[in-house]
Amino acid sequence: DCVIFVKTKFSAERVMKNIITFIENKLKLKVNAEKTHITRPNNL
């Protein structure tokens, strides 16, 4: 269970895309696209 914290929505979208690529290509793990998302503290 991993959560990453950034300050802007743009940064969140960029980071999520890059980290998913790293996880799937380098670590050879599957990311659940339905449950992986960008959210705010009150919805976390």
All heavy atoms as atom14 arrays in JSON, in Angstrom:
{
  "sequence": "DCVIFVKTKFSAERVMKNIITFIENKLKLKVNAEKTHITRPNNL",
  "atom14_mask": [
    [1, 1, 1, 1, 1, 1, 1, 1, 0, 0, 0, 0, 0, 0],
    [1, 1, 1, 1, 1, 1, 0, 0, 0, 0, 0, 0, 0, 0],
    [1, 1, 1, 1, 1, 1, 1, 0, 0, 0, 0, 0, 0, 0],
    [1, 1, 1, 1, 1, 1, 1, 1, 0, 0, 0, 0, 0, 0],
    [1, 1, 1, 1, 1, 1, 1, 1, 1, 1, 1, 0, 0, 0],
    [1, 1, 1, 1, 1, 1, 1, 0, 0, 0, 0, 0, 0, 0],
    [1, 1, 1, 1, 1, 1, 1, 1, 1, 0, 0, 0, 0, 0],
    [1, 1, 1, 1, 1, 1, 1, 0, 0, 0, 0, 0, 0, 0],
    [1, 1, 1, 1, 1, 1, 1, 1, 1, 0, 0, 0, 0, 0],
    [1, 1, 1, 1, 1, 1, 1, 1, 1, 1, 1, 0, 0, 0],
    [1, 1, 1, 1, 1, 1, 0, 0, 0, 0, 0, 0, 0, 0],
    [1, 1, 1, 1, 1, 0, 0, 0, 0, 0, 0, 0, 0, 0],
    [1, 1, 1, 1, 1, 1, 1, 1, 1, 0, 0, 0, 0, 0],
    [1, 1, 1, 1, 1, 1, 1, 1, 1, 1, 1, 0, 0, 0],
    [1, 1, 1, 1, 1, 1, 1, 0, 0, 0, 0, 0, 0, 0],
    [1, 1, 1, 1, 1, 1, 1, 1, 0, 0, 0, 0, 0, 0],
    [1, 1, 1, 1, 1, 1, 1, 1, 1, 0, 0, 0, 0, 0],
    [1, 1, 1, 1, 1, 1, 1, 1, 0, 0, 0, 0, 0, 0],
    [1, 1, 1, 1, 1, 1, 1, 1, 0, 0, 0, 0, 0, 0],
    [1, 1, 1, 1, 1, 1, 1, 1, 0, 0, 0, 0, 0, 0],
    [1, 1, 1, 1, 1, 1, 1, 0, 0, 0, 0, 0, 0, 0],
    [1, 1, 1, 1, 1, 1, 1, 1, 1, 1, 1, 0, 0, 0],
    [1, 1, 1, 1, 1, 1, 1, 1, 0, 0, 0, 0, 0, 0],
    [1, 1, 1, 1, 1, 1, 1, 1, 1, 0, 0, 0, 0, 0],
    [1, 1, 1, 1, 1, 1, 1, 1, 0, 0, 0, 0, 0, 0],
    [1, 1, 1, 1, 1, 1, 1, 1, 1, 0, 0, 0, 0, 0],
    [1, 1, 1, 1, 1, 1, 1, 1, 0, 0, 0, 0, 0, 0],
    [1, 1, 1, 1, 1, 1, 1, 1, 1, 0, 0, 0, 0, 0],
    [1, 1, 1, 1, 1, 1, 1, 1, 0, 0, 0, 0, 0, 0],
    [1, 1, 1, 1, 1, 1, 1, 1, 1, 0, 0, 0, 0, 0],
    [1, 1, 1, 1, 1, 1, 1, 0, 0, 0, 0, 0, 0, 0],
    [1, 1, 1, 1, 1, 1, 1, 1, 0, 0, 0, 0, 0, 0],
    [1, 1, 1, 1, 1, 0, 0, 0, 0, 0, 0, 0, 0, 0],
    [1, 1, 1, 1, 1, 1, 1, 1, 1, 0, 0, 0, 0, 0],
    [1, 1, 1, 1, 1, 1, 1, 1, 1, 0, 0, 0, 0, 0],
    [1, 1, 1, 1, 1, 1, 1, 0, 0, 0, 0, 0, 0, 0],
    [1, 1, 1, 1, 1, 1, 1, 1, 1, 1, 0, 0, 0, 0],
    [1, 1, 1, 1, 1, 1, 1, 1, 0, 0, 0, 0, 0, 0],
    [1, 1, 1, 1, 1, 1, 1, 0, 0, 0, 0, 0, 0, 0],
    [1, 1, 1, 1, 1, 1, 1, 1, 1, 1, 1, 0, 0, 0],
    [1, 1, 1, 1, 1, 1, 1, 0, 0, 0, 0, 0, 0, 0],
    [1, 1, 1, 1, 1, 1, 1, 1, 0, 0, 0, 0, 0, 0],
    [1, 1, 1, 1, 1, 1, 1, 1, 0, 0, 0, 0, 0, 0],
    [1, 1, 1, 1, 1, 1, 1, 1, 0, 0, 0, 0, 0, 0]
  ],
  "atom14_positions": [
    [[0.85, -1.19, 0.0], [0.0, 0.0, 0.0], [0.89, 1.24, 0.0], [1.49, 1.6, 1.02], [-0.92, 0.02, 1.22], [-1.98, -1.07, 1.16], [-2.57, -1.25, 0.09], [-2.21, -1.75, 2.18], [0.0, 0.0, 0.0], [0.0, 0.0, 0.0], [0.0, 0.0, 0.0], [0.0, 0.0, 0.0], [0.0, 0.0, 0.0], [0.0, 0.0, 0.0]],
    [[0.94, 1.91, -1.14], [1.84, 3.05, -1.3], [1.06, 4.29, -1.74], [0.21, 4.21, -2.64], [2.93, 2.73, -2.33], [4.16, 4.05, -2.55], [0.0, 0.0, 0.0], [0.0, 0.0, 0.0], [0.0, 0.0, 0.0], [0.0, 0.0, 0.0], [0.0, 0.0, 0.0], [0.0, 0.0, 0.0], [0.0, 0.0, 0.0], [0.0, 0.0, 0.0]],
    [[1.33, 5.42, -1.09], [0.73, 6.7, -1.47], [1.85, 7.72, -1.68], [2.82, 7.77, -0.91], [-0.27, 7.21, -0.4], [-1.59, 6.46, -0.5], [0.29, 7.08, 1.02], [0.0, 0.0, 0.0], [0.0, 0.0, 0.0], [0.0, 0.0, 0.0], [0.0, 0.0, 0.0], [0.0, 0.0, 0.0], [0.0, 0.0, 0.0], [0.0, 0.0, 0.0]],
    [[1.71, 8.52, -2.73], [2.69, 9.53, -3.1], [2.02, 10.91, -3.0], [0.9, 11.09, -3.47], [3.24, 9.3, -4.52], [3.79, 7.88, -4.64], [4.34, 10.31, -4.85], [4.08, 7.46, -6.08], [0.0, 0.0, 0.0], [0.0, 0.0, 0.0], [0.0, 0.0, 0.0], [0.0, 0.0, 0.0], [0.0, 0.0, 0.0], [0.0, 0.0, 0.0]],
    [[2.72, 11.89, -2.45], [2.15, 13.2, -2.17], [2.88, 14.29, -2.98], [4.1, 14.41, -2.92], [2.25, 13.53, -0.68], [1.57, 12.54, 0.21], [2.2, 11.35, 0.58], [0.28, 12.75, 0.67], [1.57, 10.43, 1.4], [-0.36, 11.83, 1.49], [0.29, 10.67, 1.85], [0.0, 0.0, 0.0], [0.0, 0.0, 0.0], [0.0, 0.0, 0.0]],
    [[2.11, 15.07, -3.73], [2.64, 16.21, -4.49], [1.74, 17.43, -4.23], [0.7, 17.32, -3.59], [2.74, 15.9, -5.99], [3.73, 14.78, -6.25], [1.37, 15.52, -6.55], [0.0, 0.0, 0.0], [0.0, 0.0, 0.0], [0.0, 0.0, 0.0], [0.0, 0.0, 0.0], [0.0, 0.0, 0.0], [0.0, 0.0, 0.0], [0.0, 0.0, 0.0]],
    [[2.15, 18.59, -4.8], [1.44, 19.83, -4.48], [0.45, 20.28, -5.54], [-0.4, 21.13, -5.26], [2.46, 20.95, -4.22], [3.18, 20.81, -2.89], [3.96, 22.04, -2.53], [4.55, 21.95, -1.12], [5.29, 23.16, -0.71], [0.0, 0.0, 0.0], [0.0, 0.0, 0.0], [0.0, 0.0, 0.0], [0.0, 0.0, 0.0], [0.0, 0.0, 0.0]],
    [[0.55, 19.75, -6.75], [-0.36, 20.2, -7.82], [-0.96, 19.01, -8.55], [-0.38, 17.91, -8.57], [0.36, 21.1, -8.84], [1.35, 20.32, -9.54], [1.03, 22.28, -8.14], [0.0, 0.0, 0.0], [0.0, 0.0, 0.0], [0.0, 0.0, 0.0], [0.0, 0.0, 0.0], [0.0, 0.0, 0.0], [0.0, 0.0, 0.0], [0.0, 0.0, 0.0]],
    [[-2.08, 19.26, -9.19], [-2.74, 18.22, -9.97], [-1.89, 17.81, -11.16], [-1.81, 16.62, -11.5], [-4.11, 18.72, -10.43], [-4.92, 17.66, -11.17], [-6.27, 18.18, -11.61], [-7.07, 17.11, -12.35], [-8.39, 17.65, -12.81], [0.0, 0.0, 0.0], [0.0, 0.0, 0.0], [0.0, 0.0, 0.0], [0.0, 0.0, 0.0], [0.0, 0.0, 0.0]],
    [[-1.27, 18.8, -11.8], [-0.41, 18.52, -12.95], [0.73, 17.58, -12.57], [1.03, 16.62, -13.27], [0.14, 19.82, -13.53], [1.12, 19.62, -14.66], [0.68, 19.32, -15.94], [2.5, 19.72, -14.43], [1.59, 19.12, -16.97], [3.4, 19.53, -15.46], [2.94, 19.22, -16.73], [0.0, 0.0, 0.0], [0.0, 0.0, 0.0], [0.0, 0.0, 0.0]],
    [[1.38, 17.87, -11.42], [2.47, 17.02, -10.94], [1.98, 15.61, -10.65], [2.65, 14.63, -10.94], [3.1, 17.63, -9.69], [3.68, 18.88, -9.96], [0.0, 0.0, 0.0], [0.0, 0.0, 0.0], [0.0, 0.0, 0.0], [0.0, 0.0, 0.0], [0.0, 0.0, 0.0], [0.0, 0.0, 0.0], [0.0, 0.0, 0.0], [0.0, 0.0, 0.0]],
    [[0.78, 15.52, -10.07], [0.21, 14.22, -9.73], [-0.01, 13.38, -10.98], [0.3, 12.18, -10.99], [-1.11, 14.42, -8.98], [0.0, 0.0, 0.0], [0.0, 0.0, 0.0], [0.0, 0.0, 0.0], [0.0, 0.0, 0.0], [0.0, 0.0, 0.0], [0.0, 0.0, 0.0], [0.0, 0.0, 0.0], [0.0, 0.0, 0.0], [0.0, 0.0, 0.0]],
    [[-0.55, 13.98, -12.03], [-0.8, 13.26, -13.28], [0.51, 12.79, -13.9], [0.61, 11.66, -14.39], [-1.57, 14.16, -14.24], [-3.0, 14.42, -13.8], [-3.71, 15.46, -14.64], [-2.99, 16.18, -15.4], [-4.96, 15.58, -14.55], [0.0, 0.0, 0.0], [0.0, 0.0, 0.0], [0.0, 0.0, 0.0], [0.0, 0.0, 0.0], [0.0, 0.0, 0.0]],
    [[1.52, 13.65, -13.9], [2.83, 13.31, -14.48], [3.5, 12.19, -13.69], [4.01, 11.22, -14.26], [3.71, 14.55, -14.53], [5.15, 14.29, -15.0], [5.93, 15.58, -15.11], [5.88, 16.37, -13.88], [6.65, 16.13, -12.81], [7.55, 15.15, -12.83], [6.54, 16.9, -11.73], [0.0, 0.0, 0.0], [0.0, 0.0, 0.0], [0.0, 0.0, 0.0]],
    [[3.51, 12.34, -12.35], [4.15, 11.35, -11.49], [3.47, 9.99, -11.61], [4.13, 8.95, -11.71], [4.15, 11.83, -10.03], [4.56, 10.69, -9.09], [5.1, 13.02, -9.86], [0.0, 0.0, 0.0], [0.0, 0.0, 0.0], [0.0, 0.0, 0.0], [0.0, 0.0, 0.0], [0.0, 0.0, 0.0], [0.0, 0.0, 0.0], [0.0, 0.0, 0.0]],
    [[2.14, 9.97, -11.59], [1.41, 8.72, -11.68], [1.74, 7.98, -12.98], [1.99, 6.77, -12.98], [-0.1, 8.96, -11.58], [-0.9, 7.65, -11.54], [-2.66, 7.86, -11.17], [-3.24, 8.47, -12.76], [0.0, 0.0, 0.0], [0.0, 0.0, 0.0], [0.0, 0.0, 0.0], [0.0, 0.0, 0.0], [0.0, 0.0, 0.0], [0.0, 0.0, 0.0]],
    [[1.79, 8.7, -14.08], [2.11, 8.09, -15.37], [3.51, 7.49, -15.36], [3.72, 6.34, -15.79], [1.99, 9.14, -16.48], [2.27, 8.59, -17.88], [2.16, 9.68, -18.93], [2.51, 9.15, -20.31], [2.44, 10.23, -21.35], [0.0, 0.0, 0.0], [0.0, 0.0, 0.0], [0.0, 0.0, 0.0], [0.0, 0.0, 0.0], [0.0, 0.0, 0.0]],
    [[4.5, 8.25, -14.86], [5.88, 7.79, -14.85], [6.1, 6.61, -13.91], [6.82, 5.66, -14.23], [6.82, 8.94, -14.48], [6.87, 10.02, -15.54], [6.55, 9.76, -16.71], [7.24, 11.25, -15.17], [0.0, 0.0, 0.0], [0.0, 0.0, 0.0], [0.0, 0.0, 0.0], [0.0, 0.0, 0.0], [0.0, 0.0, 0.0], [0.0, 0.0, 0.0]],
    [[5.48, 6.65, -12.73], [5.67, 5.59, -11.75], [4.99, 4.3, -12.2], [5.53, 3.2, -12.0], [5.17, 6.03, -10.36], [6.04, 7.16, -9.82], [5.18, 4.86, -9.38], [7.52, 6.83, -9.71], [0.0, 0.0, 0.0], [0.0, 0.0, 0.0], [0.0, 0.0, 0.0], [0.0, 0.0, 0.0], [0.0, 0.0, 0.0], [0.0, 0.0, 0.0]],
    [[3.83, 4.41, -12.81], [3.16, 3.21, -13.34], [4.03, 2.56, -14.4], [4.18, 1.33, -14.45], [1.77, 3.57, -13.9], [0.8, 3.88, -12.75], [1.22, 2.43, -14.75], [-0.57, 4.35, -13.21], [0.0, 0.0, 0.0], [0.0, 0.0, 0.0], [0.0, 0.0, 0.0], [0.0, 0.0, 0.0], [0.0, 0.0, 0.0], [0.0, 0.0, 0.0]],
    [[4.66, 3.38, -15.27], [5.56, 2.86, -16.29], [6.74, 2.13, -15.66], [7.14, 1.05, -16.09], [6.08, 4.01, -17.18], [4.98, 4.66, -17.81], [7.02, 3.48, -18.26], [0.0, 0.0, 0.0], [0.0, 0.0, 0.0], [0.0, 0.0, 0.0], [0.0, 0.0, 0.0], [0.0, 0.0, 0.0], [0.0, 0.0, 0.0], [0.0, 0.0, 0.0]],
    [[7.3, 2.71, -14.6], [8.43, 2.09, -13.89], [8.01, 0.76, -13.27], [8.72, -0.25, -13.4], [8.96, 3.03, -12.81], [9.99, 2.4, -11.91], [11.31, 2.31, -12.32], [9.63, 1.88, -10.67], [12.27, 1.72, -11.49], [10.57, 1.28, -9.85], [11.9, 1.21, -10.27], [0.0, 0.0, 0.0], [0.0, 0.0, 0.0], [0.0, 0.0, 0.0]],
    [[6.87, 0.74, -12.61], [6.4, -0.48, -11.94], [6.16, -1.6, -12.94], [6.56, -2.75, -12.72], [5.12, -0.19, -11.13], [5.44, 0.71, -9.93], [4.48, -1.49, -10.64], [4.2, 1.23, -9.22], [0.0, 0.0, 0.0], [0.0, 0.0, 0.0], [0.0, 0.0, 0.0], [0.0, 0.0, 0.0], [0.0, 0.0, 0.0], [0.0, 0.0, 0.0]],
    [[5.54, -1.29, -14.06], [5.18, -2.32, -15.03], [6.37, -2.76, -15.89], [6.49, -3.94, -16.22], [4.04, -1.83, -15.9], [2.73, -1.66, -15.12], [1.56, -1.23, -15.97], [1.78, -0.69, -17.07], [0.41, -1.42, -15.54], [0.0, 0.0, 0.0], [0.0, 0.0, 0.0], [0.0, 0.0, 0.0], [0.0, 0.0, 0.0], [0.0, 0.0, 0.0]],
    [[7.26, -1.83, -16.24], [8.38, -2.15, -17.12], [9.61, -2.64, -16.37], [10.29, -3.57, -16.82], [8.75, -0.95, -17.98], [7.65, -0.58, -18.97], [6.73, -1.37, -19.23], [7.71, 0.61, -19.53], [0.0, 0.0, 0.0], [0.0, 0.0, 0.0], [0.0, 0.0, 0.0], [0.0, 0.0, 0.0], [0.0, 0.0, 0.0], [0.0, 0.0, 0.0]],
    [[9.92, -2.02, -15.24], [11.13, -2.37, -14.5], [10.88, -3.45, -13.44], [11.65, -4.4, -13.32], [11.72, -1.12, -13.84], [12.14, -0.04, -14.83], [13.33, -0.48, -15.67], [13.81, 0.64, -16.59], [14.98, 0.22, -17.43], [0.0, 0.0, 0.0], [0.0, 0.0, 0.0], [0.0, 0.0, 0.0], [0.0, 0.0, 0.0], [0.0, 0.0, 0.0]],
    [[9.81, -3.29, -12.69], [9.52, -4.26, -11.64], [8.68, -5.44, -12.12], [8.53, -6.43, -11.39], [8.81, -3.57, -10.46], [9.58, -2.46, -9.75], [8.79, -1.94, -8.56], [10.95, -2.94, -9.3], [0.0, 0.0, 0.0], [0.0, 0.0, 0.0], [0.0, 0.0, 0.0], [0.0, 0.0, 0.0], [0.0, 0.0, 0.0], [0.0, 0.0, 0.0]],
    [[8.11, -5.31, -13.31], [7.29, -6.38, -13.91], [6.09, -6.74, -13.03], [5.69, -7.9, -12.92], [8.13, -7.63, -14.17], [9.38, -7.39, -15.02], [9.04, -6.84, -16.4], [10.3, -6.61, -17.22], [9.99, -6.01, -18.56], [0.0, 0.0, 0.0], [0.0, 0.0, 0.0], [0.0, 0.0, 0.0], [0.0, 0.0, 0.0], [0.0, 0.0, 0.0]],
    [[5.51, -5.72, -12.4], [4.31, -5.9, -11.59], [3.1, -5.29, -12.29], [3.25, -4.43, -13.16], [4.49, -5.25, -10.21], [5.57, -5.85, -9.31], [5.75, -4.98, -8.06], [5.21, -7.27, -8.89], [0.0, 0.0, 0.0], [0.0, 0.0, 0.0], [0.0, 0.0, 0.0], [0.0, 0.0, 0.0], [0.0, 0.0, 0.0], [0.0, 0.0, 0.0]],
    [[1.91, -5.73, -11.88], [0.68, -5.22, -12.48], [0.08, -4.13, -11.58], [-0.03, -4.3, -10.37], [-0.34, -6.34, -12.66], [0.11, -7.43, -13.63], [-0.94, -8.52, -13.74], [-0.48, -9.64, -14.69], [-1.48, -10.75, -14.75], [0.0, 0.0, 0.0], [0.0, 0.0, 0.0], [0.0, 0.0, 0.0], [0.0, 0.0, 0.0], [0.0, 0.0, 0.0]],
    [[-0.28, -3.02, -12.19], [-0.95, -1.94, -11.48], [-2.45, -2.03, -11.76], [-2.87, -2.12, -12.92], [-0.42, -0.56, -11.91], [-1.2, 0.57, -11.23], [1.07, -0.44, -11.57], [0.0, 0.0, 0.0], [0.0, 0.0, 0.0], [0.0, 0.0, 0.0], [0.0, 0.0, 0.0], [0.0, 0.0, 0.0], [0.0, 0.0, 0.0], [0.0, 0.0, 0.0]],
    [[-3.25, -2.04, -10.7], [-4.71, -2.08, -10.85], [-5.19, -0.71, -11.3], [-5.26, 0.23, -10.52], [-5.35, -2.47, -9.51], [-6.82, -2.81, -9.66], [-7.54, -2.22, -10.47], [-7.29, -3.75, -8.87], [0.0, 0.0, 0.0], [0.0, 0.0, 0.0], [0.0, 0.0, 0.0], [0.0, 0.0, 0.0], [0.0, 0.0, 0.0], [0.0, 0.0, 0.0]],
    [[-5.53, -0.62, -12.58], [-5.92, 0.67, -13.17], [-7.21, 1.22, -12.56], [-7.39, 2.43, -12.46], [-6.08, 0.53, -14.68], [0.0, 0.0, 0.0], [0.0, 0.0, 0.0], [0.0, 0.0, 0.0], [0.0, 0.0, 0.0], [0.0, 0.0, 0.0], [0.0, 0.0, 0.0], [0.0, 0.0, 0.0], [0.0, 0.0, 0.0], [0.0, 0.0, 0.0]],
    [[-8.11, 0.32, -12.12], [-9.38, 0.76, -11.54], [-9.21, 1.39, -10.16], [-9.93, 2.31, -9.8], [-10.35, -0.42, -11.46], [-10.8, -0.95, -12.83], [-11.78, -2.08, -12.72], [-12.13, -2.44, -11.56], [-12.21, -2.61, -13.77], [0.0, 0.0, 0.0], [0.0, 0.0, 0.0], [0.0, 0.0, 0.0], [0.0, 0.0, 0.0], [0.0, 0.0, 0.0]],
    [[-8.26, 0.87, -9.39], [-8.09, 1.33, -8.01], [-6.96, 2.36, -7.85], [-6.89, 3.03, -6.82], [-7.84, 0.14, -7.09], [-9.03, -0.81, -6.98], [-8.75, -1.94, -6.02], [-9.94, -2.88, -5.91], [-9.67, -4.01, -4.96], [0.0, 0.0, 0.0], [0.0, 0.0, 0.0], [0.0, 0.0, 0.0], [0.0, 0.0, 0.0], [0.0, 0.0, 0.0]],
    [[-6.08, 2.46, -8.83], [-5.01, 3.45, -8.79], [-5.55, 4.78, -9.31], [-6.04, 4.87, -10.43], [-3.81, 3.0, -9.62], [-3.28, 1.8, -9.06], [-2.73, 4.06, -9.65], [0.0, 0.0, 0.0], [0.0, 0.0, 0.0], [0.0, 0.0, 0.0], [0.0, 0.0, 0.0], [0.0, 0.0, 0.0], [0.0, 0.0, 0.0], [0.0, 0.0, 0.0]],
    [[-5.46, 5.82, -8.5], [-6.07, 7.09, -8.88], [-5.43, 8.25, -8.13], [-4.69, 8.06, -7.17], [-7.58, 7.07, -8.61], [-7.91, 6.83, -7.15], [-7.88, 5.59, -6.57], [-8.27, 7.68, -6.17], [-8.2, 5.67, -5.29], [-8.44, 6.93, -5.02], [0.0, 0.0, 0.0], [0.0, 0.0, 0.0], [0.0, 0.0, 0.0], [0.0, 0.0, 0.0]],
    [[-5.76, 9.45, -8.6], [-5.35, 10.68, -7.93], [-6.51, 11.16, -7.07], [-7.65, 11.19, -7.52], [-4.96, 11.76, -8.96], [-3.74, 11.31, -9.77], [-4.67, 13.09, -8.26], [-3.46, 12.16, -10.98], [0.0, 0.0, 0.0], [0.0, 0.0, 0.0], [0.0, 0.0, 0.0], [0.0, 0.0, 0.0], [0.0, 0.0, 0.0], [0.0, 0.0, 0.0]],
    [[-6.23, 11.52, -5.85], [-7.3, 11.9, -4.93], [-6.84, 13.03, -4.04], [-5.68, 13.46, -4.07], [-7.75, 10.68, -4.1], [-8.89, 11.03, -3.32], [-6.63, 10.21, -3.16], [0.0, 0.0, 0.0], [0.0, 0.0, 0.0], [0.0, 0.0, 0.0], [0.0, 0.0, 0.0], [0.0, 0.0, 0.0], [0.0, 0.0, 0.0], [0.0, 0.0, 0.0]],
    [[-7.77, 13.5, -3.22], [-7.5, 14.55, -2.24], [-7.61, 13.96, -0.83], [-8.21, 12.89, -0.64], [-8.51, 15.69, -2.41], [-8.54, 16.27, -3.83], [-7.36, 17.17, -4.08], [-7.61, 18.51, -3.53], [-6.71, 19.47, -3.46], [-5.51, 19.24, -3.89], [-7.01, 20.66, -2.94], [0.0, 0.0, 0.0], [0.0, 0.0, 0.0], [0.0, 0.0, 0.0]],
    [[-7.05, 14.64, 0.18], [-7.04, 14.07, 1.53], [-8.41, 13.64, 2.06], [-8.53, 12.59, 2.69], [-6.44, 15.19, 2.38], [-5.59, 15.96, 1.43], [-6.31, 15.91, 0.12], [0.0, 0.0, 0.0], [0.0, 0.0, 0.0], [0.0, 0.0, 0.0], [0.0, 0.0, 0.0], [0.0, 0.0, 0.0], [0.0, 0.0, 0.0], [0.0, 0.0, 0.0]],
    [[-9.45, 14.45, 1.8], [-10.78, 14.13, 2.34], [-11.42, 12.91, 1.68], [-12.39, 12.35, 2.2], [-11.71, 15.34, 2.25], [-11.83, 15.86, 0.83], [-10.85, 15.98, 0.11], [-13.04, 16.19, 0.42], [0.0, 0.0, 0.0], [0.0, 0.0, 0.0], [0.0, 0.0, 0.0], [0.0, 0.0, 0.0], [0.0, 0.0, 0.0], [0.0, 0.0, 0.0]],
    [[-10.87, 12.48, 0.53], [-11.39, 11.3, -0.17], [-10.46, 10.1, -0.08], [-10.76, 9.04, -0.62], [-11.65, 11.63, -1.64], [-12.76, 12.64, -1.83], [-13.78, 12.6, -1.12], [-12.59, 13.55, -2.77], [0.0, 0.0, 0.0], [0.0, 0.0, 0.0], [0.0, 0.0, 0.0], [0.0, 0.0, 0.0], [0.0, 0.0, 0.0], [0.0, 0.0, 0.0]],
    [[-9.34, 10.26, 0.62], [-8.34, 9.19, 0.7], [-8.71, 8.18, 1.78], [-9.04, 8.54, 2.91], [-6.96, 9.79, 1.02], [-5.81, 8.79, 1.24], [-5.51, 8.0, -0.03], [-4.56, 9.52, 1.74], [0.0, 0.0, 0.0], [0.0, 0.0, 0.0], [0.0, 0.0, 0.0], [0.0, 0.0, 0.0], [0.0, 0.0, 0.0], [0.0, 0.0, 0.0]]
  ]
}
